[in-house]
C-alpha cells in the first residue's frame, strides 16, 4: 500500500479525473445548465434570483438546403431588476416545408 504524500497525490489525481468526467458529461448532456453556478453567484451579488425560465426555440428555415438552428434560451431575473440571458445554439437540422 502507498503511504504518505504519494497516496494524497494519487487521491487528488483520481478526484480530478472524476470531476473532469462529471463536467464533460454535464457539458454534453445540457450545455445551458453549466451556467447555473455562475447564476447563483451573480444572484448573491444582486439580491437573489427572482425568476428563471428556459425555452427551446427552433429558428426559421433558410439557406440551401433549408436548415433551422435550434437554440436553448435561459433567462434569469435578479431581485435588483437586472436579468441574464444565456443562448446556446445547437447544430442545424433540416427543415421539411
Protein backbone atom coordinates (compact mmCIF):
# COMPACT_ATOMS: atom_id res chain seq x y z
CA UNK A 1 0.00 0.00 0.00
CA UNK A 2 1.19 3.53 -0.80
CA UNK A 3 1.93 5.73 2.22
CA UNK A 4 2.18 9.41 2.96
CA UNK A 5 2.32 12.09 0.31
CA UNK A 6 2.20 9.61 -2.57
CA UNK A 7 -1.26 8.43 -1.53
CA UNK A 8 -2.52 12.02 -1.30
CA UNK A 9 -1.22 12.81 -4.79
CA UNK A 10 -2.90 9.73 -6.24
CA UNK A 11 -6.15 10.54 -4.43
CA UNK A 12 -6.04 14.14 -5.70
CA UNK A 13 -5.42 13.00 -9.29
CA UNK A 14 -8.24 10.46 -9.04
CA UNK A 15 -10.64 13.13 -7.78
CA UNK A 16 -9.60 15.47 -10.60
CA UNK A 17 -10.26 12.78 -13.21
CA UNK A 18 -13.69 12.08 -11.73
CA UNK A 19 -14.51 15.81 -11.60
CA UNK A 20 -13.40 16.27 -15.23
CA UNK A 21 -15.64 13.37 -16.28
CA UNK A 22 -18.63 14.86 -14.49
CA UNK A 23 -18.04 18.27 -16.08
CA UNK A 24 -17.61 16.76 -19.55
CA UNK A 25 -20.77 14.67 -19.13
CA UNK A 26 -22.76 17.68 -17.96
CA UNK A 27 -21.50 19.76 -20.88
CA UNK A 28 -22.52 17.04 -23.31
CA UNK A 29 -25.96 16.50 -21.82
CA UNK A 30 -27.09 20.07 -21.10
CA UNK A 31 -24.80 22.96 -22.07
CA UNK A 32 -27.13 25.69 -20.77
CA UNK A 33 -27.10 24.17 -17.29
CA UNK A 34 -23.36 24.75 -17.00
CA UNK A 35 -24.16 28.39 -16.25
CA UNK A 36 -26.22 27.61 -13.13
CA UNK A 37 -23.29 28.03 -10.68
CA UNK A 38 -22.48 31.41 -12.26
CA UNK A 39 -26.13 32.43 -11.99
CA UNK A 40 -26.14 31.61 -8.27
CA UNK A 41 -23.00 33.67 -7.64
CA UNK A 42 -24.50 36.61 -9.53
CA UNK A 43 -27.71 36.11 -7.58
CA UNK A 44 -25.86 36.54 -4.29
CA UNK A 45 -24.33 39.78 -5.57
CA UNK A 46 -27.65 41.09 -6.94
CA UNK A 47 -30.01 40.27 -4.09
CA UNK A 48 -31.10 36.79 -5.17
CA UNK A 49 -32.76 35.09 -8.13
CA UNK A 50 -36.42 36.11 -8.54
CA UNK A 51 -37.39 34.11 -11.63
CA UNK A 52 -35.78 31.80 -14.14
CA UNK A 53 -37.10 30.24 -17.32
CA UNK A 54 -35.74 28.03 -20.06
CA UNK A 55 -37.11 27.84 -23.61
CA UNK A 56 -36.20 25.62 -26.53
CA UNK A 57 -36.66 27.52 -29.80
CA UNK A 58 -36.34 26.25 -33.37
CA UNK A 59 -35.09 29.01 -35.69
CA UNK A 60 -36.54 29.91 -39.08
CA UNK A 61 -35.73 27.76 -42.09
CA UNK A 62 -33.33 29.29 -44.56
CA UNK A 63 -30.43 28.63 -46.87
CA UNK A 64 -29.81 25.97 -49.43
CA UNK A 65 -30.59 23.24 -48.35
CA UNK A 66 -33.11 24.68 -45.90
CA UNK A 67 -31.82 24.37 -42.33
CA UNK A 68 -33.10 25.57 -38.97
CA UNK A 69 -30.87 26.25 -35.99
CA UNK A 70 -32.36 25.15 -32.66
CA UNK A 71 -31.34 27.15 -29.62
CA UNK A 72 -31.81 26.94 -25.89
CA UNK A 73 -32.58 30.29 -24.21
CA UNK A 74 -32.21 30.61 -20.45
CA UNK A 75 -33.41 33.84 -18.77
CA UNK A 76 -32.63 34.62 -15.12
CA UNK A 77 -34.13 37.67 -13.40
CA UNK A 78 -32.49 39.07 -10.28
CA UNK A 79 -34.01 40.98 -7.36
CA UNK A 80 -32.34 44.26 -8.33
CA UNK A 81 -34.23 44.32 -11.66
CA UNK A 82 -31.38 43.09 -13.87
CA UNK A 83 -31.54 39.94 -15.94
CA UNK A 84 -29.15 37.47 -17.54
CA UNK A 85 -29.93 35.81 -20.88
CA UNK A 86 -27.91 32.79 -21.97
CA UNK A 87 -28.35 31.45 -25.51
CA UNK A 88 -26.81 28.14 -26.57
CA UNK A 89 -27.06 27.28 -30.27
CA UNK A 90 -27.21 23.63 -31.35
CA UNK A 91 -26.29 22.01 -34.64
CA UNK A 92 -28.55 22.90 -37.60
CA UNK A 93 -31.31 20.47 -38.54
CA UNK A 94 -33.04 20.07 -41.88
CA UNK A 95 -36.48 21.61 -42.40
CA UNK A 96 -39.41 19.94 -44.03
CA UNK A 97 -41.63 22.50 -45.75
